[in-house]
N, C-alpha and C. Protein backbone atom coordinates (compact mmCIF):
# COMPACT_ATOMS: atom_id res chain seq x y z
N UNK A 1 23.21 5.12 31.57
CA UNK A 1 22.13 5.14 30.57
C UNK A 1 21.09 4.06 30.91
N UNK A 2 19.84 4.41 30.83
CA UNK A 2 18.76 3.49 31.17
C UNK A 2 18.66 2.38 30.13
N UNK A 3 18.60 1.10 30.61
CA UNK A 3 18.52 -0.02 29.67
C UNK A 3 17.13 -0.08 29.05
N UNK A 4 17.13 -0.53 27.80
CA UNK A 4 15.88 -0.58 27.04
C UNK A 4 15.07 -1.81 27.43
N UNK A 5 13.77 -1.65 27.56
CA UNK A 5 12.90 -2.77 27.91
C UNK A 5 12.79 -3.73 26.73
N UNK A 6 12.67 -5.05 27.00
CA UNK A 6 12.56 -6.03 25.91
C UNK A 6 11.38 -5.75 24.98
N UNK A 7 10.25 -5.31 25.56
CA UNK A 7 9.08 -5.01 24.73
C UNK A 7 9.36 -3.91 23.71
N UNK A 8 10.16 -2.93 24.11
CA UNK A 8 10.50 -1.83 23.19
C UNK A 8 11.39 -2.35 22.06
N UNK A 9 12.35 -3.21 22.40
CA UNK A 9 13.23 -3.79 21.37
C UNK A 9 12.42 -4.60 20.36
N UNK A 10 11.54 -5.46 20.87
CA UNK A 10 10.70 -6.26 19.98
C UNK A 10 9.76 -5.38 19.17
N UNK A 11 9.26 -4.33 19.79
CA UNK A 11 8.36 -3.42 19.10
C UNK A 11 9.02 -2.74 17.92
N UNK A 12 10.29 -2.35 18.09
CA UNK A 12 11.02 -1.72 16.98
C UNK A 12 11.22 -2.70 15.83
N UNK A 13 11.51 -3.97 16.17
CA UNK A 13 11.67 -4.98 15.12
C UNK A 13 10.35 -5.22 14.38
N UNK A 14 9.27 -5.34 15.15
CA UNK A 14 7.96 -5.56 14.53
C UNK A 14 7.52 -4.36 13.70
N UNK A 15 7.90 -3.16 14.13
CA UNK A 15 7.55 -1.95 13.39
C UNK A 15 8.08 -2.03 11.96
N UNK A 16 9.31 -2.53 11.81
CA UNK A 16 9.90 -2.63 10.48
C UNK A 16 9.21 -3.69 9.62
N UNK A 17 8.62 -4.69 10.28
CA UNK A 17 7.99 -5.81 9.55
C UNK A 17 6.48 -5.72 9.48
N UNK A 18 5.90 -4.61 10.00
CA UNK A 18 4.45 -4.55 10.19
C UNK A 18 3.65 -4.70 8.90
N UNK A 19 4.24 -4.34 7.76
CA UNK A 19 3.52 -4.44 6.49
C UNK A 19 3.31 -5.88 6.05
N UNK A 20 4.12 -6.80 6.58
CA UNK A 20 4.06 -8.20 6.14
C UNK A 20 3.44 -9.12 7.19
N UNK A 21 3.13 -8.58 8.36
CA UNK A 21 2.69 -9.43 9.47
C UNK A 21 1.38 -10.15 9.18
N UNK A 22 0.52 -9.56 8.34
CA UNK A 22 -0.78 -10.17 8.08
C UNK A 22 -0.78 -11.23 7.00
N UNK A 23 0.35 -11.42 6.30
CA UNK A 23 0.38 -12.37 5.17
C UNK A 23 0.00 -13.79 5.58
N UNK A 24 0.56 -14.34 6.69
CA UNK A 24 0.16 -15.71 7.07
C UNK A 24 -1.35 -15.86 7.32
N UNK A 25 -1.96 -14.84 7.93
CA UNK A 25 -3.40 -14.92 8.19
C UNK A 25 -4.21 -14.88 6.89
N UNK A 26 -3.75 -14.07 5.94
CA UNK A 26 -4.43 -14.01 4.64
C UNK A 26 -4.37 -15.38 3.97
N UNK A 27 -3.21 -16.03 4.02
CA UNK A 27 -3.07 -17.36 3.41
C UNK A 27 -3.96 -18.39 4.10
N UNK A 28 -3.99 -18.35 5.45
CA UNK A 28 -4.86 -19.26 6.20
C UNK A 28 -6.33 -19.03 5.83
N UNK A 29 -6.71 -17.75 5.73
CA UNK A 29 -8.10 -17.43 5.38
C UNK A 29 -8.45 -17.91 3.98
N UNK A 30 -7.49 -17.77 3.05
CA UNK A 30 -7.73 -18.23 1.69
C UNK A 30 -7.97 -19.73 1.63
N UNK A 31 -7.22 -20.49 2.41
CA UNK A 31 -7.29 -21.95 2.34
C UNK A 31 -8.44 -22.53 3.15
N UNK A 32 -8.74 -21.92 4.31
CA UNK A 32 -9.68 -22.56 5.23
C UNK A 32 -11.06 -21.90 5.30
N UNK A 33 -11.17 -20.66 4.92
CA UNK A 33 -12.41 -19.93 5.13
C UNK A 33 -13.36 -19.97 3.95
N UNK A 34 -14.55 -19.47 4.20
CA UNK A 34 -15.56 -19.37 3.16
C UNK A 34 -16.52 -18.24 3.53
N UNK A 35 -16.76 -17.31 2.61
CA UNK A 35 -17.61 -16.16 2.90
C UNK A 35 -18.83 -16.15 1.99
N UNK A 36 -20.00 -15.83 2.58
CA UNK A 36 -21.22 -15.68 1.81
C UNK A 36 -21.55 -14.21 1.60
N UNK A 37 -22.72 -13.94 1.11
CA UNK A 37 -23.13 -12.57 0.80
C UNK A 37 -23.11 -11.69 2.05
N UNK A 38 -23.65 -12.21 3.15
CA UNK A 38 -23.70 -11.41 4.38
C UNK A 38 -22.30 -11.05 4.87
N UNK A 39 -21.38 -12.03 4.78
CA UNK A 39 -20.01 -11.77 5.20
C UNK A 39 -19.34 -10.74 4.30
N UNK A 40 -19.64 -10.81 3.01
CA UNK A 40 -19.08 -9.82 2.08
C UNK A 40 -19.58 -8.41 2.42
N UNK A 41 -20.85 -8.27 2.69
CA UNK A 41 -21.40 -6.95 3.04
C UNK A 41 -20.74 -6.42 4.31
N UNK A 42 -20.67 -7.28 5.34
CA UNK A 42 -20.05 -6.87 6.60
C UNK A 42 -18.57 -6.54 6.40
N UNK A 43 -17.88 -7.38 5.62
CA UNK A 43 -16.46 -7.16 5.38
C UNK A 43 -16.18 -5.87 4.65
N UNK A 44 -16.98 -5.58 3.62
CA UNK A 44 -16.80 -4.32 2.88
C UNK A 44 -17.04 -3.11 3.79
N UNK A 45 -18.04 -3.22 4.68
CA UNK A 45 -18.29 -2.14 5.63
C UNK A 45 -17.11 -1.90 6.55
N UNK A 46 -16.52 -2.98 7.06
CA UNK A 46 -15.35 -2.86 7.93
C UNK A 46 -14.16 -2.26 7.19
N UNK A 47 -13.97 -2.67 5.93
CA UNK A 47 -12.87 -2.14 5.12
C UNK A 47 -13.04 -0.64 4.91
N UNK A 48 -14.25 -0.22 4.59
CA UNK A 48 -14.52 1.21 4.38
C UNK A 48 -14.24 2.01 5.66
N UNK A 49 -14.73 1.51 6.80
CA UNK A 49 -14.48 2.19 8.08
C UNK A 49 -12.98 2.29 8.35
N UNK A 50 -12.27 1.18 8.18
CA UNK A 50 -10.84 1.18 8.45
C UNK A 50 -10.07 2.12 7.56
N UNK A 51 -10.39 2.12 6.27
CA UNK A 51 -9.63 2.98 5.35
C UNK A 51 -9.97 4.45 5.52
N UNK A 52 -11.24 4.76 5.80
CA UNK A 52 -11.59 6.16 6.07
C UNK A 52 -10.88 6.68 7.31
N UNK A 53 -10.75 5.85 8.33
CA UNK A 53 -10.03 6.24 9.54
C UNK A 53 -8.55 6.45 9.25
N UNK A 54 -7.98 5.59 8.44
CA UNK A 54 -6.58 5.75 8.05
C UNK A 54 -6.39 7.06 7.26
N UNK A 55 -7.26 7.31 6.29
CA UNK A 55 -7.14 8.53 5.48
C UNK A 55 -7.28 9.77 6.35
N UNK A 56 -8.26 9.77 7.26
CA UNK A 56 -8.45 10.91 8.15
C UNK A 56 -7.22 11.15 9.02
N UNK A 57 -6.53 10.09 9.40
CA UNK A 57 -5.35 10.20 10.25
C UNK A 57 -4.13 10.67 9.46
N UNK A 58 -3.91 10.05 8.30
CA UNK A 58 -2.74 10.38 7.48
C UNK A 58 -2.86 11.78 6.90
N UNK A 59 -4.08 12.30 6.81
CA UNK A 59 -4.25 13.69 6.36
C UNK A 59 -3.50 14.65 7.27
N UNK A 60 -3.30 14.28 8.53
CA UNK A 60 -2.58 15.12 9.48
C UNK A 60 -1.10 14.76 9.56
N UNK A 61 -0.78 13.48 9.50
CA UNK A 61 0.62 13.07 9.73
C UNK A 61 1.44 12.95 8.47
N UNK A 62 0.80 12.71 7.33
CA UNK A 62 1.54 12.60 6.09
C UNK A 62 2.31 11.29 5.96
N UNK A 63 3.30 11.26 5.05
CA UNK A 63 3.97 10.00 4.70
C UNK A 63 4.95 9.48 5.75
N UNK A 64 5.19 10.22 6.83
CA UNK A 64 6.13 9.71 7.84
C UNK A 64 5.64 8.41 8.45
N UNK A 65 4.35 8.16 8.39
CA UNK A 65 3.80 6.91 8.94
C UNK A 65 4.17 5.71 8.09
N UNK A 66 4.71 5.94 6.89
CA UNK A 66 5.12 4.85 6.00
C UNK A 66 6.55 4.40 6.24
N UNK A 67 7.27 5.12 7.07
CA UNK A 67 8.69 4.85 7.28
C UNK A 67 8.90 3.47 7.90
N UNK A 68 10.09 2.90 7.65
CA UNK A 68 10.45 1.61 8.27
C UNK A 68 11.10 1.81 9.63
N UNK A 69 11.30 3.06 10.01
CA UNK A 69 11.81 3.33 11.37
C UNK A 69 10.87 4.32 12.04
N UNK A 70 10.81 4.24 13.35
CA UNK A 70 9.92 5.11 14.11
C UNK A 70 10.43 6.53 14.04
N UNK A 71 9.55 7.44 13.62
CA UNK A 71 9.92 8.86 13.56
C UNK A 71 8.66 9.71 13.71
N UNK A 72 8.86 10.93 14.17
CA UNK A 72 7.75 11.87 14.32
C UNK A 72 8.34 13.29 14.33
N UNK A 73 8.30 13.96 13.18
CA UNK A 73 8.81 15.33 13.13
C UNK A 73 8.09 16.27 14.10
N UNK A 74 6.81 15.97 14.36
CA UNK A 74 6.06 16.75 15.33
C UNK A 74 4.97 15.87 15.95
N UNK A 75 4.51 16.27 17.12
CA UNK A 75 3.45 15.55 17.80
C UNK A 75 2.11 16.06 17.29
N UNK A 76 1.29 15.15 16.79
CA UNK A 76 -0.03 15.52 16.25
C UNK A 76 -1.09 15.15 17.28
N UNK A 77 -1.91 16.13 17.65
CA UNK A 77 -3.00 15.87 18.61
C UNK A 77 -4.34 16.39 18.08
N UNK A 78 -4.41 16.57 16.77
CA UNK A 78 -5.63 17.07 16.13
C UNK A 78 -6.34 15.94 15.40
N UNK A 79 -7.54 16.22 14.91
CA UNK A 79 -8.28 15.24 14.13
C UNK A 79 -8.52 13.96 14.92
N UNK A 80 -8.36 12.80 14.29
CA UNK A 80 -8.56 11.53 15.01
C UNK A 80 -7.61 11.37 16.20
N UNK A 81 -6.43 12.01 16.12
CA UNK A 81 -5.45 11.90 17.20
C UNK A 81 -5.93 12.60 18.48
N UNK A 82 -6.97 13.36 18.37
CA UNK A 82 -7.54 13.99 19.56
C UNK A 82 -8.25 12.96 20.44
N UNK A 83 -8.74 11.88 19.84
CA UNK A 83 -9.58 10.91 20.55
C UNK A 83 -8.89 9.56 20.79
N UNK A 84 -7.87 9.27 20.02
CA UNK A 84 -7.09 8.05 20.23
C UNK A 84 -5.66 8.34 19.80
N UNK A 85 -4.70 7.80 20.56
CA UNK A 85 -3.31 8.06 20.23
C UNK A 85 -2.86 7.26 19.01
N UNK A 86 -3.62 6.26 18.63
CA UNK A 86 -3.22 5.39 17.51
C UNK A 86 -4.36 5.15 16.52
N UNK A 87 -4.86 6.21 15.90
CA UNK A 87 -6.01 6.00 15.00
C UNK A 87 -5.67 5.18 13.77
N UNK A 88 -4.43 5.24 13.29
CA UNK A 88 -4.06 4.45 12.12
C UNK A 88 -4.12 2.96 12.47
N UNK A 89 -3.65 2.60 13.66
CA UNK A 89 -3.68 1.20 14.05
C UNK A 89 -5.11 0.73 14.32
N UNK A 90 -5.94 1.61 14.83
CA UNK A 90 -7.35 1.28 14.98
C UNK A 90 -7.97 1.04 13.60
N UNK A 91 -7.61 1.89 12.64
CA UNK A 91 -8.06 1.69 11.26
C UNK A 91 -7.56 0.36 10.71
N UNK A 92 -6.30 0.02 11.03
CA UNK A 92 -5.74 -1.26 10.58
C UNK A 92 -6.54 -2.44 11.12
N UNK A 93 -7.01 -2.30 12.37
CA UNK A 93 -7.80 -3.39 12.96
C UNK A 93 -9.08 -3.61 12.16
N UNK A 94 -9.79 -2.54 11.85
CA UNK A 94 -11.02 -2.67 11.06
C UNK A 94 -10.72 -3.19 9.66
N UNK A 95 -9.63 -2.70 9.07
CA UNK A 95 -9.24 -3.13 7.73
C UNK A 95 -8.94 -4.64 7.72
N UNK A 96 -8.13 -5.09 8.69
CA UNK A 96 -7.80 -6.51 8.78
C UNK A 96 -9.03 -7.36 9.03
N UNK A 97 -9.93 -6.86 9.89
CA UNK A 97 -11.17 -7.59 10.17
C UNK A 97 -12.02 -7.70 8.91
N UNK A 98 -12.04 -6.65 8.10
CA UNK A 98 -12.79 -6.68 6.85
C UNK A 98 -12.21 -7.68 5.87
N UNK A 99 -10.86 -7.69 5.76
CA UNK A 99 -10.21 -8.68 4.90
C UNK A 99 -10.56 -10.10 5.35
N UNK A 100 -10.47 -10.33 6.65
CA UNK A 100 -10.75 -11.65 7.20
C UNK A 100 -12.19 -12.07 6.91
N UNK A 101 -13.11 -11.12 6.99
CA UNK A 101 -14.52 -11.42 6.77
C UNK A 101 -14.79 -11.83 5.32
N UNK A 102 -14.23 -11.07 4.36
CA UNK A 102 -14.50 -11.41 2.95
C UNK A 102 -13.73 -12.65 2.51
N UNK A 103 -12.64 -12.98 3.20
CA UNK A 103 -11.86 -14.16 2.83
C UNK A 103 -12.34 -15.42 3.52
N UNK A 104 -12.78 -15.29 4.78
CA UNK A 104 -13.03 -16.51 5.55
C UNK A 104 -14.38 -16.55 6.27
N UNK A 105 -15.16 -15.47 6.17
CA UNK A 105 -16.45 -15.46 6.86
C UNK A 105 -16.26 -15.40 8.37
N UNK A 106 -16.93 -16.27 9.08
CA UNK A 106 -16.92 -16.21 10.55
C UNK A 106 -16.22 -17.42 11.17
N UNK A 107 -15.14 -17.85 10.56
CA UNK A 107 -14.37 -18.99 11.07
C UNK A 107 -13.75 -18.63 12.42
N UNK A 108 -14.30 -19.18 13.49
CA UNK A 108 -14.00 -18.72 14.85
C UNK A 108 -12.52 -18.79 15.21
N UNK A 109 -11.86 -19.92 14.94
CA UNK A 109 -10.46 -20.05 15.35
C UNK A 109 -9.57 -19.03 14.65
N UNK A 110 -9.92 -18.70 13.41
CA UNK A 110 -9.13 -17.72 12.67
C UNK A 110 -9.34 -16.31 13.23
N UNK A 111 -10.57 -16.00 13.65
CA UNK A 111 -10.84 -14.71 14.27
C UNK A 111 -10.12 -14.58 15.61
N UNK A 112 -10.11 -15.64 16.40
CA UNK A 112 -9.39 -15.60 17.67
C UNK A 112 -7.90 -15.40 17.44
N UNK A 113 -7.36 -16.10 16.44
CA UNK A 113 -5.95 -15.95 16.10
C UNK A 113 -5.65 -14.52 15.67
N UNK A 114 -6.53 -13.95 14.84
CA UNK A 114 -6.35 -12.56 14.38
C UNK A 114 -6.31 -11.58 15.56
N UNK A 115 -7.26 -11.71 16.46
CA UNK A 115 -7.34 -10.77 17.59
C UNK A 115 -6.11 -10.89 18.49
N UNK A 116 -5.69 -12.12 18.77
CA UNK A 116 -4.52 -12.31 19.64
C UNK A 116 -3.25 -11.77 18.99
N UNK A 117 -3.04 -12.11 17.72
CA UNK A 117 -1.83 -11.65 17.04
C UNK A 117 -1.81 -10.15 16.84
N UNK A 118 -2.96 -9.57 16.52
CA UNK A 118 -3.04 -8.12 16.36
C UNK A 118 -2.71 -7.44 17.68
N UNK A 119 -3.32 -7.90 18.75
CA UNK A 119 -3.07 -7.29 20.07
C UNK A 119 -1.60 -7.39 20.44
N UNK A 120 -1.00 -8.56 20.23
CA UNK A 120 0.40 -8.75 20.59
C UNK A 120 1.31 -7.85 19.75
N UNK A 121 1.12 -7.87 18.45
CA UNK A 121 1.97 -7.08 17.55
C UNK A 121 1.89 -5.59 17.87
N UNK A 122 0.68 -5.07 17.94
CA UNK A 122 0.55 -3.62 18.09
C UNK A 122 0.80 -3.14 19.51
N UNK A 123 0.62 -4.00 20.50
CA UNK A 123 1.00 -3.61 21.86
C UNK A 123 2.51 -3.38 21.93
N UNK A 124 3.28 -4.28 21.31
CA UNK A 124 4.74 -4.13 21.30
C UNK A 124 5.17 -2.93 20.45
N UNK A 125 4.56 -2.76 19.29
CA UNK A 125 4.91 -1.63 18.43
C UNK A 125 4.63 -0.31 19.14
N UNK A 126 3.47 -0.22 19.78
CA UNK A 126 3.09 1.02 20.47
C UNK A 126 4.03 1.30 21.64
N UNK A 127 4.47 0.26 22.34
CA UNK A 127 5.45 0.46 23.42
C UNK A 127 6.71 1.13 22.88
N UNK A 128 7.19 0.65 21.74
CA UNK A 128 8.39 1.23 21.13
C UNK A 128 8.13 2.67 20.69
N UNK A 129 6.97 2.91 20.10
CA UNK A 129 6.65 4.27 19.65
C UNK A 129 6.52 5.22 20.84
N UNK A 130 5.89 4.77 21.91
CA UNK A 130 5.70 5.63 23.07
C UNK A 130 7.03 5.98 23.73
N UNK A 131 7.95 5.02 23.76
CA UNK A 131 9.28 5.30 24.31
C UNK A 131 9.98 6.37 23.47
N UNK A 132 9.85 6.27 22.15
CA UNK A 132 10.44 7.26 21.26
C UNK A 132 9.79 8.64 21.45
N UNK A 133 8.46 8.67 21.47
CA UNK A 133 7.75 9.95 21.59
C UNK A 133 8.01 10.63 22.92
N UNK A 134 8.13 9.84 23.98
CA UNK A 134 8.43 10.44 25.29
C UNK A 134 9.82 11.04 25.29
N UNK A 135 10.75 10.35 24.67
CA UNK A 135 12.12 10.89 24.58
C UNK A 135 12.14 12.14 23.71
N UNK A 136 11.34 12.13 22.65
CA UNK A 136 11.35 13.24 21.69
C UNK A 136 10.63 14.48 22.21
N UNK A 137 9.48 14.29 22.88
CA UNK A 137 8.63 15.43 23.22
C UNK A 137 8.43 15.63 24.73
N UNK A 138 8.93 14.71 25.55
CA UNK A 138 8.94 14.89 26.99
C UNK A 138 7.56 15.07 27.60
N UNK A 139 7.42 16.09 28.44
CA UNK A 139 6.19 16.31 29.19
C UNK A 139 4.99 16.60 28.29
N UNK A 140 5.23 17.22 27.14
CA UNK A 140 4.13 17.49 26.21
C UNK A 140 3.48 16.17 25.79
N UNK A 141 4.31 15.17 25.49
CA UNK A 141 3.75 13.86 25.12
C UNK A 141 3.12 13.17 26.32
N UNK A 142 3.77 13.25 27.48
CA UNK A 142 3.21 12.59 28.66
C UNK A 142 1.84 13.14 29.00
N UNK A 143 1.63 14.44 28.83
CA UNK A 143 0.32 15.05 29.07
C UNK A 143 -0.70 14.53 28.05
N UNK A 144 -0.29 14.45 26.80
CA UNK A 144 -1.17 13.93 25.75
C UNK A 144 -1.54 12.47 26.05
N UNK A 145 -0.56 11.70 26.50
CA UNK A 145 -0.81 10.29 26.82
C UNK A 145 -1.79 10.14 27.98
N UNK A 146 -1.69 11.01 28.96
CA UNK A 146 -2.62 10.96 30.10
C UNK A 146 -4.04 11.31 29.67
N UNK A 147 -4.18 12.22 28.73
CA UNK A 147 -5.50 12.71 28.33
C UNK A 147 -6.22 11.81 27.32
N UNK A 148 -5.44 11.07 26.52
CA UNK A 148 -5.99 10.42 25.33
C UNK A 148 -5.83 8.91 25.38
N UNK A 149 -6.89 8.14 25.15
CA UNK A 149 -6.79 6.67 25.17
C UNK A 149 -5.79 6.15 24.14
N UNK A 150 -5.22 5.00 24.44
CA UNK A 150 -4.23 4.41 23.54
C UNK A 150 -4.86 3.95 22.23
N UNK A 151 -5.99 3.27 22.29
CA UNK A 151 -6.62 2.73 21.07
C UNK A 151 -8.08 3.15 20.94
N UNK A 152 -8.91 2.69 21.86
CA UNK A 152 -10.36 2.87 21.71
C UNK A 152 -10.80 4.20 22.32
N UNK A 153 -11.42 5.07 21.53
CA UNK A 153 -11.91 6.35 22.07
C UNK A 153 -12.88 6.14 23.23
N UNK A 154 -12.79 7.03 24.21
CA UNK A 154 -13.65 6.98 25.39
C UNK A 154 -14.40 8.31 25.48
N UNK A 155 -15.74 8.28 25.56
CA UNK A 155 -16.50 9.54 25.64
C UNK A 155 -15.99 10.43 26.78
N UNK A 156 -15.78 11.69 26.47
CA UNK A 156 -15.34 12.65 27.47
C UNK A 156 -13.85 12.67 27.73
N UNK A 157 -13.12 11.72 27.14
CA UNK A 157 -11.67 11.68 27.34
C UNK A 157 -10.97 11.92 26.01
N UNK A 158 -10.30 13.05 25.90
CA UNK A 158 -9.62 13.40 24.65
C UNK A 158 -8.58 14.48 24.92
N UNK A 159 -7.72 14.68 23.92
CA UNK A 159 -6.66 15.66 24.04
C UNK A 159 -7.23 17.07 24.10
N UNK A 160 -6.66 17.89 24.96
CA UNK A 160 -7.09 19.29 25.07
C UNK A 160 -6.30 20.20 24.12
N UNK A 161 -5.17 19.71 23.63
CA UNK A 161 -4.34 20.55 22.76
C UNK A 161 -4.70 20.34 21.30
N UNK A 162 -4.22 21.22 20.45
CA UNK A 162 -4.46 21.14 19.00
C UNK A 162 -3.12 21.32 18.30
N UNK A 163 -2.26 20.32 18.39
CA UNK A 163 -0.94 20.40 17.78
C UNK A 163 -0.94 19.67 16.44
N UNK A 164 -0.11 20.18 15.53
CA UNK A 164 0.05 19.50 14.26
C UNK A 164 -0.41 20.34 13.09
N UNK A 165 -0.11 19.89 11.86
CA UNK A 165 -0.44 20.67 10.66
C UNK A 165 -1.92 20.59 10.33
N UNK A 166 -2.34 21.46 9.42
CA UNK A 166 -3.70 21.37 8.90
C UNK A 166 -3.82 20.11 8.06
N UNK A 167 -5.01 19.51 8.01
CA UNK A 167 -5.17 18.28 7.24
C UNK A 167 -5.09 18.54 5.74
N UNK A 168 -4.62 17.52 5.01
CA UNK A 168 -4.53 17.60 3.55
C UNK A 168 -5.00 16.28 2.95
N UNK A 169 -6.13 16.30 2.26
CA UNK A 169 -6.66 15.09 1.64
C UNK A 169 -5.72 14.60 0.54
N UNK A 170 -5.13 15.54 -0.22
CA UNK A 170 -4.20 15.15 -1.28
C UNK A 170 -3.00 14.41 -0.70
N UNK A 171 -2.47 14.92 0.41
CA UNK A 171 -1.33 14.27 1.08
C UNK A 171 -1.73 12.87 1.57
N UNK A 172 -2.94 12.77 2.10
CA UNK A 172 -3.41 11.48 2.61
C UNK A 172 -3.56 10.47 1.49
N UNK A 173 -4.20 10.85 0.40
CA UNK A 173 -4.42 9.92 -0.71
C UNK A 173 -3.10 9.50 -1.35
N UNK A 174 -2.16 10.43 -1.44
CA UNK A 174 -0.84 10.09 -1.98
C UNK A 174 -0.15 9.06 -1.09
N UNK A 175 -0.24 9.27 0.22
CA UNK A 175 0.38 8.36 1.17
C UNK A 175 -0.30 7.00 1.20
N UNK A 176 -1.60 6.97 0.92
CA UNK A 176 -2.39 5.74 1.03
C UNK A 176 -2.44 4.93 -0.27
N UNK A 177 -1.67 5.31 -1.27
CA UNK A 177 -1.72 4.59 -2.55
C UNK A 177 -1.47 3.09 -2.38
N UNK A 178 -0.45 2.75 -1.60
CA UNK A 178 -0.13 1.32 -1.45
C UNK A 178 -1.22 0.58 -0.67
N UNK A 179 -1.85 1.25 0.30
CA UNK A 179 -2.94 0.61 1.04
C UNK A 179 -4.14 0.39 0.13
N UNK A 180 -4.45 1.37 -0.70
CA UNK A 180 -5.57 1.23 -1.63
C UNK A 180 -5.31 0.11 -2.64
N UNK A 181 -4.06 -0.05 -3.06
CA UNK A 181 -3.70 -1.16 -3.95
C UNK A 181 -3.85 -2.49 -3.23
N UNK A 182 -3.44 -2.52 -1.95
CA UNK A 182 -3.59 -3.74 -1.14
C UNK A 182 -5.07 -4.12 -1.01
N UNK A 183 -5.92 -3.14 -0.73
CA UNK A 183 -7.35 -3.39 -0.61
C UNK A 183 -7.89 -3.99 -1.90
N UNK A 184 -7.51 -3.39 -3.03
CA UNK A 184 -7.95 -3.90 -4.34
C UNK A 184 -7.49 -5.33 -4.56
N UNK A 185 -6.23 -5.62 -4.21
CA UNK A 185 -5.69 -6.96 -4.41
C UNK A 185 -6.38 -8.00 -3.54
N UNK A 186 -6.60 -7.67 -2.26
CA UNK A 186 -7.26 -8.61 -1.35
C UNK A 186 -8.70 -8.87 -1.80
N UNK A 187 -9.40 -7.82 -2.19
CA UNK A 187 -10.78 -7.99 -2.65
C UNK A 187 -10.84 -8.83 -3.92
N UNK A 188 -9.85 -8.64 -4.82
CA UNK A 188 -9.80 -9.45 -6.04
C UNK A 188 -9.58 -10.92 -5.70
N UNK A 189 -8.66 -11.19 -4.77
CA UNK A 189 -8.41 -12.56 -4.32
C UNK A 189 -9.67 -13.18 -3.72
N UNK A 190 -10.33 -12.40 -2.86
CA UNK A 190 -11.54 -12.90 -2.19
C UNK A 190 -12.64 -13.18 -3.21
N UNK A 191 -12.77 -12.31 -4.20
CA UNK A 191 -13.80 -12.51 -5.24
C UNK A 191 -13.50 -13.74 -6.08
N UNK A 192 -12.24 -13.90 -6.47
CA UNK A 192 -11.85 -15.09 -7.25
C UNK A 192 -12.13 -16.36 -6.45
N UNK A 193 -11.80 -16.33 -5.16
CA UNK A 193 -12.05 -17.51 -4.32
C UNK A 193 -13.54 -17.81 -4.23
N UNK A 194 -14.34 -16.76 -4.01
CA UNK A 194 -15.80 -16.94 -3.90
C UNK A 194 -16.38 -17.52 -5.19
N UNK A 195 -15.94 -16.99 -6.34
CA UNK A 195 -16.44 -17.47 -7.62
C UNK A 195 -15.99 -18.91 -7.88
N UNK A 196 -14.75 -19.25 -7.47
CA UNK A 196 -14.23 -20.60 -7.65
C UNK A 196 -15.03 -21.60 -6.81
N UNK A 197 -15.33 -21.22 -5.57
CA UNK A 197 -16.08 -22.11 -4.69
C UNK A 197 -17.51 -22.32 -5.20
N UNK A 198 -18.08 -21.27 -5.81
CA UNK A 198 -19.45 -21.39 -6.33
C UNK A 198 -19.49 -22.19 -7.64
N UNK A 199 -18.33 -22.20 -8.33
CA UNK A 199 -18.28 -22.90 -9.62
C UNK A 199 -18.16 -24.38 -9.41
């Protein structure tokens, strides 16, 4: 039996903890950062982009993306998955960047920390997911991986297949309830902080 790569093992562990990974950065941003009107506008824009991308993605995959273990009842190559293999994680990047902007503005060291930690966490998680998907779907997944960028869409490079269910906005919104609550909570914290600093 082929031994598992360390990155895959760490990726599986991080996958289970991915919902809590951003908490330390949020706390750092609350204590050290400061956002003005321009940062709030930019941050809200990033949050909207990130959440719309998540909703568009979850409309195809449904609640399986909420699981604490890696699973995929079927390989989805439609919608956002046609242009990037990880549209939800790309949405997470924009969402996290928006949170950071409304909480801390443009505090350089915190932004560098965010980018490094995000890259490290999701590179390991994606390694674990790719190992699972290759085992689950074999050559079909390998073909999809060759055709489609891992994160950032590239003009002219996308999946040629159309696998997966039809999209459902109701399914997406049901699945995204906890994310929408998180967005509301972070924005409330950021607003309270802004008002406190101005007072």
